Amino acid sequence: MQNRITEKFSELAKKGERALICYVVAGYPDTGTSKQVINALVKGGADIIEVGIPFSDPIADGPTIQAASNTALRKGMTPEKALHLVRSVRKQHPNLPLLAMTYSNILVRAGMEKFMSQSKQCGLDGFILPDMPVEEADTYLLTASKLNLATVFLVSPNTADARLHKIVASTSGFLYVVSVYGITGARKSFQKYTLDTISAVKQVAGAKVPVAVGFGISRPAHAKSMIAAGAEAVIVGSAVINKISDPSGNNMLQDLQNFAQSMKKACKSK
């Protein structure tokens, strides 16, 4: 099943590069700036953008992303407005892979097929739903398959082997490896179990689906070690939000572009 995500991974593989995936919260710090943030990240070299659709109870998100989501919700961000942002970004970047990261409740409340169909029309390429168990995902998978939308599932260091095989079979676009036990958030270093998890997951995923690693990646050295362990992509979220939130920066958009550039450079190094 080809879409912008699979095309991007094969294009990068031909160049011997790994993908840089950046996460933004729709409506943070405000709606207008959200789009500028995405443009700055793309200019800096981000290959894929995850648009977080804010939800009131984001169980997988650490304090940084939770605070950003709360701010966006307070300022009136809704799932419909988030899709409007996606539509606007799609017009500007026709080939950019765009995913929504949100929670199942958003889709269920709006009507799963209806919301996924609207998302597709707005130019979205797939979903990441951290709270969607693969065992209960039949309707979601069927609808996504009909619409050619990627279904990105998450695996963690303690995912049992049998369940890992089931998740790999249900995943399209890429497989999201959670690098640590717990929630998201930038961190200084990673333990050996993270790198062991990446290589174990890669063995199961094989050529079926690329492996992307997220949660806590905030500097080029992190990206390099994840790639050395076998990751085909790194996902950066909290570090992006921290740069947006930092009041000491005079030129936030330029800082973001420079940050993306430094992270992308790590994705190109052998």
C-alpha atoms as a PDB file:
ATOM      1  CA  MET A   1       0.000   0.000   0.000  1.00  0.00           C
ATOM      2  CA  GLN A   2       1.785   3.093  -1.300  1.00  0.00           C
ATOM      3  CA  ASN A   3       1.143   6.518   0.162  1.00  0.00           C
ATOM      4  CA  ARG A   4       3.279   9.578   0.942  1.00  0.00           C
ATOM      5  CA  ILE A   5       4.791   7.857   4.000  1.00  0.00           C
ATOM      6  CA  THR A   6       5.953   4.704   2.216  1.00  0.00           C
ATOM      7  CA  GLU A   7       7.178   6.792  -0.718  1.00  0.00           C
ATOM      8  CA  LYS A   8       9.229   8.977   1.637  1.00  0.00           C
ATOM      9  CA  PHE A   9      10.869   5.966   3.307  1.00  0.00           C
ATOM     10  CA  SER A  10      11.816   4.396  -0.024  1.00  0.00           C
ATOM     11  CA  GLU A  11      13.151   7.721  -1.334  1.00  0.00           C
ATOM     12  CA  LEU A  12      15.331   8.100   1.795  1.00  0.00           C
ATOM     13  CA  ALA A  13      16.498   4.466   1.681  1.00  0.00           C
ATOM     14  CA  LYS A  14      17.817   5.028  -1.858  1.00  0.00           C
ATOM     15  CA  LYS A  15      19.895   7.935  -0.523  1.00  0.00           C
ATOM     16  CA  GLY A  16      21.037   5.945   2.521  1.00  0.00           C
ATOM     17  CA  GLU A  17      19.285   8.393   4.861  1.00  0.00           C
ATOM     18  CA  ARG A  18      17.033   7.918   7.871  1.00  0.00           C
ATOM     19  CA  ALA A  19      13.813   9.864   8.402  1.00  0.00           C
ATOM     20  CA  LEU A  20      13.396  12.769  10.786  1.00  0.00           C
ATOM     21  CA  ILE A  21       9.820  12.846  12.107  1.00  0.00           C
ATOM     22  CA  CYS A  22       8.791  15.967  14.043  1.00  0.00           C
ATOM     23  CA  TYR A  23       5.736  16.353  16.261  1.00  0.00           C
ATOM     24  CA  VAL A  24       3.771  19.566  16.716  1.00  0.00           C
ATOM     25  CA  VAL A  25       0.605  20.291  18.681  1.00  0.00           C
ATOM     26  CA  ALA A  26      -2.158  21.771  16.510  1.00  0.00           C
ATOM     27  CA  GLY A  27      -2.963  25.205  17.889  1.00  0.00           C
ATOM     28  CA  TYR A  28       0.213  25.623  19.959  1.00  0.00           C
ATOM     29  CA  PRO A  29       1.310  28.278  20.726  1.00  0.00           C
ATOM     30  CA  ASP A  30      -1.624  29.418  18.553  1.00  0.00           C
ATOM     31  CA  THR A  31      -3.200  28.333  15.271  1.00  0.00           C
ATOM     32  CA  GLY A  32      -1.347  30.752  12.997  1.00  0.00           C
ATOM     33  CA  THR A  33       2.025  29.980  14.535  1.00  0.00           C
ATOM     34  CA  SER A  34       1.371  26.200  14.295  1.00  0.00           C
ATOM     35  CA  LYS A  35       1.642  26.407  10.531  1.00  0.00           C
ATOM     36  CA  GLN A  36       4.801  28.535  10.704  1.00  0.00           C
ATOM     37  CA  VAL A  37       6.314  25.987  13.101  1.00  0.00           C
ATOM     38  CA  ILE A  38       5.645  23.182  10.593  1.00  0.00           C
ATOM     39  CA  ASN A  39       7.161  25.271   7.774  1.00  0.00           C
ATOM     40  CA  ALA A  40      10.300  25.962   9.848  1.00  0.00           C
ATOM     41  CA  LEU A  41      10.731  22.257  10.663  1.00  0.00           C
ATOM     42  CA  VAL A  42      10.255  21.240   7.020  1.00  0.00           C
ATOM     43  CA  LYS A  43      12.725  23.920   5.923  1.00  0.00           C
ATOM     44  CA  GLY A  44      15.203  22.486   8.441  1.00  0.00           C
ATOM     45  CA  GLY A  45      14.841  19.010   6.949  1.00  0.00           C
ATOM     46  CA  ALA A  46      11.940  17.249   8.729  1.00  0.00           C
ATOM     47  CA  ASP A  47      10.779  14.431   6.456  1.00  0.00           C
ATOM     48  CA  ILE A  48       7.450  13.637   8.133  1.00  0.00           C
ATOM     49  CA  ILE A  49       5.226  15.752  10.393  1.00  0.00           C
ATOM     50  CA  GLU A  50       3.009  14.415  13.164  1.00  0.00           C
ATOM     51  CA  VAL A  51       0.197  16.802  14.026  1.00  0.00           C
ATOM     52  CA  GLY A  52      -1.015  16.308  17.583  1.00  0.00           C
ATOM     53  CA  ILE A  53      -4.767  16.788  17.866  1.00  0.00           C
ATOM     54  CA  PRO A  54      -5.158  17.949  21.493  1.00  0.00           C
ATOM     55  CA  PHE A  55      -7.169  15.749  23.827  1.00  0.00           C
ATOM     56  CA  SER A  56      -8.193  16.449  27.425  1.00  0.00           C
ATOM     57  CA  ASP A  57      -6.700  13.224  28.842  1.00  0.00           C
ATOM     58  CA  PRO A  58      -3.489  12.457  26.918  1.00  0.00           C
ATOM     59  CA  ILE A  59      -2.245   9.359  28.788  1.00  0.00           C
ATOM     60  CA  ALA A  60       0.934   8.781  26.754  1.00  0.00           C
ATOM     61  CA  ASP A  61       2.148  12.382  26.826  1.00  0.00           C
ATOM     62  CA  GLY A  62       4.657  13.794  29.258  1.00  0.00           C
ATOM     63  CA  PRO A  63       4.283  17.175  31.008  1.00  0.00           C
ATOM     64  CA  THR A  64       5.704  19.211  28.083  1.00  0.00           C
ATOM     65  CA  ILE A  65       3.196  17.965  25.506  1.00  0.00           C
ATOM     66  CA  GLN A  66       0.340  17.891  28.036  1.00  0.00           C
ATOM     67  CA  ALA A  67       0.908  21.565  28.853  1.00  0.00           C
ATOM     68  CA  ALA A  68       1.024  22.466  25.136  1.00  0.00           C
ATOM     69  CA  SER A  69      -2.195  20.502  24.489  1.00  0.00           C
ATOM     70  CA  ASN A  70      -3.943  22.227  27.396  1.00  0.00           C
ATOM     71  CA  THR A  71      -2.904  25.642  26.066  1.00  0.00           C
ATOM     72  CA  ALA A  72      -4.208  24.764  22.591  1.00  0.00           C
ATOM     73  CA  LEU A  73      -7.521  23.518  24.014  1.00  0.00           C
ATOM     74  CA  ARG A  74      -7.878  26.658  26.138  1.00  0.00           C
ATOM     75  CA  LYS A  75      -7.387  28.749  23.006  1.00  0.00           C
ATOM     76  CA  GLY A  76     -10.232  26.901  21.284  1.00  0.00           C
ATOM     77  CA  MET A  77      -8.461  24.222  19.239  1.00  0.00           C
ATOM     78  CA  THR A  78     -10.840  21.429  18.149  1.00  0.00           C
ATOM     79  CA  PRO A  79     -10.385  18.308  15.992  1.00  0.00           C
ATOM     80  CA  GLU A  80     -12.160  20.133  13.109  1.00  0.00           C
ATOM     81  CA  LYS A  81      -9.781  23.098  13.387  1.00  0.00           C
ATOM     82  CA  ALA A  82      -6.822  20.694  13.514  1.00  0.00           C
ATOM     83  CA  LEU A  83      -7.982  19.141  10.222  1.00  0.00           C
ATOM     84  CA  HIS A  84      -8.338  22.628   8.796  1.00  0.00           C
ATOM     85  CA  LEU A  85      -4.664  23.215   9.726  1.00  0.00           C
ATOM     86  CA  VAL A  86      -3.737  19.940   7.987  1.00  0.00           C
ATOM     87  CA  ARG A  87      -5.596  21.049   4.855  1.00  0.00           C
ATOM     88  CA  SER A  88      -3.726  24.344   4.844  1.00  0.00           C
ATOM     89  CA  VAL A  89      -0.326  22.618   5.323  1.00  0.00           C
ATOM     90  CA  ARG A  90      -1.177  20.107   2.584  1.00  0.00           C
ATOM     91  CA  LYS A  91      -1.807  22.926   0.088  1.00  0.00           C
ATOM     92  CA  GLN A  92       1.637  24.319   0.788  1.00  0.00           C
ATOM     93  CA  HIS A  93       3.462  20.964   0.935  1.00  0.00           C
ATOM     94  CA  PRO A  94       1.801  18.577  -1.548  1.00  0.00           C
ATOM     95  CA  ASN A  95       4.288  15.720  -0.960  1.00  0.00           C
ATOM     96  CA  LEU A  96       4.908  16.049   2.785  1.00  0.00           C
ATOM     97  CA  PRO A  97       3.795  12.973   4.766  1.00  0.00           C
ATOM     98  CA  LEU A  98       1.363  14.139   7.463  1.00  0.00           C
ATOM     99  CA  LEU A  99       0.035  12.025  10.332  1.00  0.00           C
ATOM    100  CA  ALA A 100      -2.347  12.827  13.148  1.00  0.00           C
ATOM    101  CA  MET A 101      -1.357  11.734  16.626  1.00  0.00           C
ATOM    102  CA  THR A 102      -4.348  11.713  18.910  1.00  0.00           C
ATOM    103  CA  TYR A 103      -6.571   9.465  21.027  1.00  0.00           C
ATOM    104  CA  SER A 104      -9.280   7.002  19.978  1.00  0.00           C
ATOM    105  CA  ASN A 105     -12.012   8.986  21.720  1.00  0.00           C
ATOM    106  CA  ILE A 106     -11.650  11.842  19.202  1.00  0.00           C
ATOM    107  CA  LEU A 107     -12.421   9.448  16.325  1.00  0.00           C
ATOM    108  CA  VAL A 108     -15.166   7.539  18.150  1.00  0.00           C
ATOM    109  CA  ARG A 109     -16.968  10.692  19.257  1.00  0.00           C
ATOM    110  CA  ALA A 110     -17.048  12.115  15.721  1.00  0.00           C
ATOM    111  CA  GLY A 111     -17.889   8.722  14.150  1.00  0.00           C
ATOM    112  CA  MET A 112     -14.783   6.767  13.205  1.00  0.00           C
ATOM    113  CA  GLU A 113     -15.456   6.345   9.477  1.00  0.00           C
ATOM    114  CA  LYS A 114     -16.686   9.916   9.128  1.00  0.00           C
ATOM    115  CA  PHE A 115     -13.665  11.441  10.908  1.00  0.00           C
ATOM    116  CA  MET A 116     -11.138   9.265   9.078  1.00  0.00           C
ATOM    117  CA  SER A 117     -12.756  10.082   5.743  1.00  0.00           C
ATOM    118  CA  GLN A 118     -12.675  13.837   6.519  1.00  0.00           C
ATOM    119  CA  SER A 119      -9.029  13.478   7.572  1.00  0.00           C
ATOM    120  CA  LYS A 120      -8.182  11.847   4.258  1.00  0.00           C
ATOM    121  CA  GLN A 121      -9.958  14.630   2.340  1.00  0.00           C
ATOM    122  CA  CYS A 122      -7.910  17.221   4.254  1.00  0.00           C
ATOM    123  CA  GLY A 123      -4.688  15.539   3.133  1.00  0.00           C
ATOM    124  CA  LEU A 124      -3.790  13.364   6.117  1.00  0.00           C
ATOM    125  CA  ASP A 125      -1.788  10.189   5.415  1.00  0.00           C
ATOM    126  CA  GLY A 126      -2.398   8.216   8.606  1.00  0.00           C
ATOM    127  CA  PHE A 127      -2.971   8.024  12.348  1.00  0.00           C
ATOM    128  CA  ILE A 128      -1.048   7.284  15.526  1.00  0.00           C
ATOM    129  CA  LEU A 129      -3.435   6.375  18.359  1.00  0.00           C
ATOM    130  CA  PRO A 130      -1.427   5.444  21.480  1.00  0.00           C
ATOM    131  CA  ASP A 131      -4.521   4.137  23.293  1.00  0.00           C
ATOM    132  CA  MET A 132      -5.839   1.941  20.459  1.00  0.00           C
ATOM    133  CA  PRO A 133      -5.127  -1.703  21.418  1.00  0.00           C
ATOM    134  CA  VAL A 134      -4.410  -3.842  18.364  1.00  0.00           C
ATOM    135  CA  GLU A 135      -6.872  -6.438  19.741  1.00  0.00           C
ATOM    136  CA  GLU A 136      -9.766  -3.942  19.439  1.00  0.00           C
ATOM    137  CA  ALA A 137      -8.715  -2.247  16.208  1.00  0.00           C
ATOM    138  CA  ASP A 138     -10.752  -4.160  13.595  1.00  0.00           C
ATOM    139  CA  THR A 139     -13.057  -1.294  12.536  1.00  0.00           C
ATOM    140  CA  TYR A 140     -10.183   1.187  12.630  1.00  0.00           C
ATOM    141  CA  LEU A 141      -7.948  -1.067  10.489  1.00  0.00           C
ATOM    142  CA  LEU A 142     -10.699  -1.827   7.989  1.00  0.00           C
ATOM    143  CA  THR A 143     -11.600   1.851   7.562  1.00  0.00           C
ATOM    144  CA  ALA A 144      -7.950   2.883   7.265  1.00  0.00           C
ATOM    145  CA  SER A 145      -7.321   0.195   4.670  1.00  0.00           C
ATOM    146  CA  LYS A 146     -10.299   1.385   2.570  1.00  0.00           C
ATOM    147  CA  LEU A 147      -9.016   4.974   2.704  1.00  0.00           C
ATOM    148  CA  ASN A 148      -5.325   4.044   2.221  1.00  0.00           C
ATOM    149  CA  LEU A 149      -4.416   5.640   5.566  1.00  0.00           C
ATOM    150  CA  ALA A 150      -1.440   4.393   7.576  1.00  0.00           C
ATOM    151  CA  THR A 151      -2.099   2.831  10.988  1.00  0.00           C
ATOM    152  CA  VAL A 152       0.962   3.397  13.156  1.00  0.00           C
ATOM    153  CA  PHE A 153       0.958   1.241  16.292  1.00  0.00           C
ATOM    154  CA  LEU A 154       3.289   1.595  19.269  1.00  0.00           C
ATOM    155  CA  VAL A 155       5.498  -1.053  20.846  1.00  0.00           C
ATOM    156  CA  SER A 156       7.487  -0.642  24.045  1.00  0.00           C
ATOM    157  CA  PRO A 157      10.495  -2.360  25.652  1.00  0.00           C
ATOM    158  CA  ASN A 158       8.150  -4.714  27.537  1.00  0.00           C
ATOM    159  CA  THR A 159       5.882  -5.721  24.620  1.00  0.00           C
ATOM    160  CA  ALA A 160       5.631  -9.532  24.620  1.00  0.00           C
ATOM    161  CA  ASP A 161       6.947 -11.335  21.553  1.00  0.00           C
ATOM    162  CA  ALA A 162       3.584 -12.752  20.399  1.00  0.00           C
ATOM    163  CA  ARG A 163       1.952  -9.331  20.710  1.00  0.00           C
ATOM    164  CA  LEU A 164       4.847  -7.702  18.848  1.00  0.00           C
ATOM    165  CA  HIS A 165       4.224 -10.021  15.869  1.00  0.00           C
ATOM    166  CA  LYS A 166       0.509  -9.117  15.910  1.00  0.00           C
ATOM    167  CA  ILE A 167       1.298  -5.393  16.056  1.00  0.00           C
ATOM    168  CA  VAL A 168       3.813  -5.620  13.194  1.00  0.00           C
ATOM    169  CA  ALA A 169       1.159  -7.406  11.088  1.00  0.00           C
ATOM    170  CA  SER A 170      -1.388  -4.619  11.764  1.00  0.00           C
ATOM    171  CA  THR A 171       0.961  -1.661  11.319  1.00  0.00           C
ATOM    172  CA  SER A 172       1.402   0.339   8.140  1.00  0.00           C
ATOM    173  CA  GLY A 173       3.466   3.471   7.476  1.00  0.00           C
ATOM    174  CA  PHE A 174       5.981   2.791  10.234  1.00  0.00           C
ATOM    175  CA  LEU A 175       6.183   1.071  13.599  1.00  0.00           C
ATOM    176  CA  TYR A 176       6.558   3.431  16.553  1.00  0.00           C
ATOM    177  CA  VAL A 177       9.031   2.098  19.109  1.00  0.00           C
ATOM    178  CA  VAL A 178       8.662   3.754  22.505  1.00  0.00           C
ATOM    179  CA  SER A 179      12.266   4.141  23.643  1.00  0.00           C
ATOM    180  CA  VAL A 180      11.658   4.052  27.400  1.00  0.00           C
ATOM    181  CA  TYR A 181       9.247   2.787  30.024  1.00  0.00           C
ATOM    182  CA  GLY A 182       6.709   5.510  30.798  1.00  0.00           C
ATOM    183  CA  ILE A 183       5.611   8.714  29.123  1.00  0.00           C
ATOM    184  CA  THR A 184       7.144  11.132  26.610  1.00  0.00           C
ATOM    185  CA  GLY A 185       9.585  13.899  27.524  1.00  0.00           C
ATOM    186  CA  ALA A 186      13.069  15.025  26.535  1.00  0.00           C
ATOM    187  CA  ARG A 187      15.838  13.292  28.463  1.00  0.00           C
ATOM    188  CA  LYS A 188      19.633  13.442  28.697  1.00  0.00           C
ATOM    189  CA  SER A 189      20.522   9.819  27.995  1.00  0.00           C
ATOM    190  CA  PHE A 190      19.184   6.358  27.214  1.00  0.00           C
ATOM    191  CA  GLN A 191      19.931   2.960  28.693  1.00  0.00           C
ATOM    192  CA  LYS A 192      21.137  -0.142  26.885  1.00  0.00           C
ATOM    193  CA  TYR A 193      17.661  -1.719  27.011  1.00  0.00           C
ATOM    194  CA  THR A 194      16.457   0.937  24.520  1.00  0.00           C
ATOM    195  CA  LEU A 195      19.038  -0.066  21.906  1.00  0.00           C
ATOM    196  CA  ASP A 196      18.377  -3.762  22.561  1.00  0.00           C
ATOM    197  CA  THR A 197      14.645  -3.140  22.036  1.00  0.00           C
ATOM    198  CA  ILE A 198      15.267  -1.413  18.699  1.00  0.00           C
ATOM    199  CA  SER A 199      17.349  -4.274  17.312  1.00  0.00           C
ATOM    200  CA  ALA A 200      14.886  -6.915  18.598  1.00  0.00           C
ATOM    201  CA  VAL A 201      11.912  -5.066  17.057  1.00  0.00           C
ATOM    202  CA  LYS A 202      13.804  -4.561  13.793  1.00  0.00           C
ATOM    203  CA  GLN A 203      14.364  -8.317  13.543  1.00  0.00           C
ATOM    204  CA  VAL A 204      10.613  -8.922  13.722  1.00  0.00           C
ATOM    205  CA  ALA A 205       9.604  -5.952  11.528  1.00  0.00           C
ATOM    206  CA  GLY A 206      12.190  -6.885   8.886  1.00  0.00           C
ATOM    207  CA  ALA A 207      11.300  -5.420   5.514  1.00  0.00           C
ATOM    208  CA  LYS A 208       7.551  -5.268   6.257  1.00  0.00           C
ATOM    209  CA  VAL A 209       7.510  -1.890   7.935  1.00  0.00           C
ATOM    210  CA  PRO A 210      10.146   0.737   8.872  1.00  0.00           C
ATOM    211  CA  VAL A 211      10.997   1.163  12.547  1.00  0.00           C
ATOM    212  CA  ALA A 212      10.834   4.665  14.052  1.00  0.00           C
ATOM    213  CA  VAL A 213      11.929   5.472  17.607  1.00  0.00           C
ATOM    214  CA  GLY A 214      10.424   8.193  19.784  1.00  0.00           C
ATOM    215  CA  PHE A 215       9.984   9.421  23.381  1.00  0.00           C
ATOM    216  CA  GLY A 216      12.818  11.519  24.751  1.00  0.00           C
ATOM    217  CA  ILE A 217      14.997  12.035  21.680  1.00  0.00           C
ATOM    218  CA  SER A 218      16.271  15.600  21.903  1.00  0.00           C
ATOM    219  CA  ARG A 219      19.801  15.817  20.470  1.00  0.00           C
ATOM    220  CA  PRO A 220      21.769  14.593  17.434  1.00  0.00           C
ATOM    221  CA  ALA A 221      23.797  12.100  19.515  1.00  0.00           C
ATOM    222  CA  HIS A 222      20.529  10.375  20.547  1.00  0.00           C
ATOM    223  CA  ALA A 223      19.465  10.116  16.903  1.00  0.00           C
ATOM    224  CA  LYS A 224      22.814   8.614  15.911  1.00  0.00           C
ATOM    225  CA  SER A 225      22.679   5.912  18.584  1.00  0.00           C
ATOM    226  CA  MET A 226      19.079   4.943  17.672  1.00  0.00           C
ATOM    227  CA  ILE A 227      20.028   4.713  13.990  1.00  0.00           C
ATOM    228  CA  ALA A 228      23.128   2.678  14.812  1.00  0.00           C
ATOM    229  CA  ALA A 229      20.847   0.209  16.635  1.00  0.00           C
ATOM    230  CA  GLY A 230      18.733  -0.226  13.486  1.00  0.00           C
ATOM    231  CA  ALA A 231      16.078   2.532  13.517  1.00  0.00           C
ATOM    232  CA  GLU A 232      14.982   3.877  10.133  1.00  0.00           C
ATOM    233  CA  ALA A 233      13.528   7.027  11.684  1.00  0.00           C
ATOM    234  CA  VAL A 234      13.689   9.132  14.820  1.00  0.00           C
ATOM    235  CA  ILE A 235      10.716  10.997  16.261  1.00  0.00           C
ATOM    236  CA  VAL A 236      11.230  14.314  18.040  1.00  0.00           C
ATOM    237  CA  GLY A 237       8.346  15.815  20.005  1.00  0.00           C
ATOM    238  CA  SER A 238       8.979  17.297  23.453  1.00  0.00           C
ATOM    239  CA  ALA A 239      12.254  18.897  22.308  1.00  0.00           C
ATOM    240  CA  VAL A 240      10.327  20.753  19.568  1.00  0.00           C
ATOM    241  CA  ILE A 241       7.653  21.905  22.036  1.00  0.00           C
ATOM    242  CA  ASN A 242      10.364  23.063  24.488  1.00  0.00           C
ATOM    243  CA  LYS A 243      11.881  25.278  21.793  1.00  0.00           C
ATOM    244  CA  ILE A 244       8.470  26.801  21.043  1.00  0.00           C
ATOM    245  CA  SER A 245       7.869  27.407  24.771  1.00  0.00           C
ATOM    246  CA  ASP A 246      11.294  28.883  25.576  1.00  0.00           C
ATOM    247  CA  PRO A 247      10.771  32.616  26.206  1.00  0.00           C
ATOM    248  CA  SER A 248      14.512  33.368  26.043  1.00  0.00           C
ATOM    249  CA  GLY A 249      14.734  32.699  22.285  1.00  0.00           C
ATOM    250  CA  ASN A 250      14.401  35.824  20.138  1.00  0.00           C
ATOM    251  CA  ASN A 251      13.777  33.959  16.937  1.00  0.00           C
ATOM    252  CA  MET A 252      11.852  30.805  17.757  1.00  0.00           C
ATOM    253  CA  LEU A 253      11.186  29.816  14.138  1.00  0.00           C
ATOM    254  CA  GLN A 254      14.851  30.163  13.165  1.00  0.00           C
ATOM    255  CA  ASP A 255      15.853  28.174  16.269  1.00  0.00           C
ATOM    256  CA  LEU A 256      13.440  25.406  15.263  1.00  0.00           C
ATOM    257  CA  GLN A 257      14.795  25.345  11.733  1.00  0.00           C
ATOM    258  CA  ASN A 258      18.378  25.115  13.034  1.00  0.00           C
ATOM    259  CA  PHE A 259      17.384  22.369  15.471  1.00  0.00           C
ATOM    260  CA  ALA A 260      15.699  20.347  12.707  1.00  0.00           C
ATOM    261  CA  GLN A 261      18.803  20.854  10.562  1.00  0.00           C
ATOM    262  CA  SER A 262      21.102  19.465  13.267  1.00  0.00           C
ATOM    263  CA  MET A 263      18.808  16.465  13.854  1.00  0.00           C
ATOM    264  CA  LYS A 264      18.483  15.780  10.116  1.00  0.00           C
ATOM    265  CA  LYS A 265      22.239  15.890   9.744  1.00  0.00           C
ATOM    266  CA  ALA A 266      22.462  13.065  12.318  1.00  0.00           C
ATOM    267  CA  CYS A 267      19.970  11.095  10.188  1.00  0.00           C
ATOM    268  CA  LYS A 268      22.294  11.335   7.195  1.00  0.00           C
ATOM    269  CA  SER A 269      25.518  10.300   8.890  1.00  0.00           C
ATOM    270  CA  LYS A 270      26.751   6.757   8.471  1.00  0.00           C
END
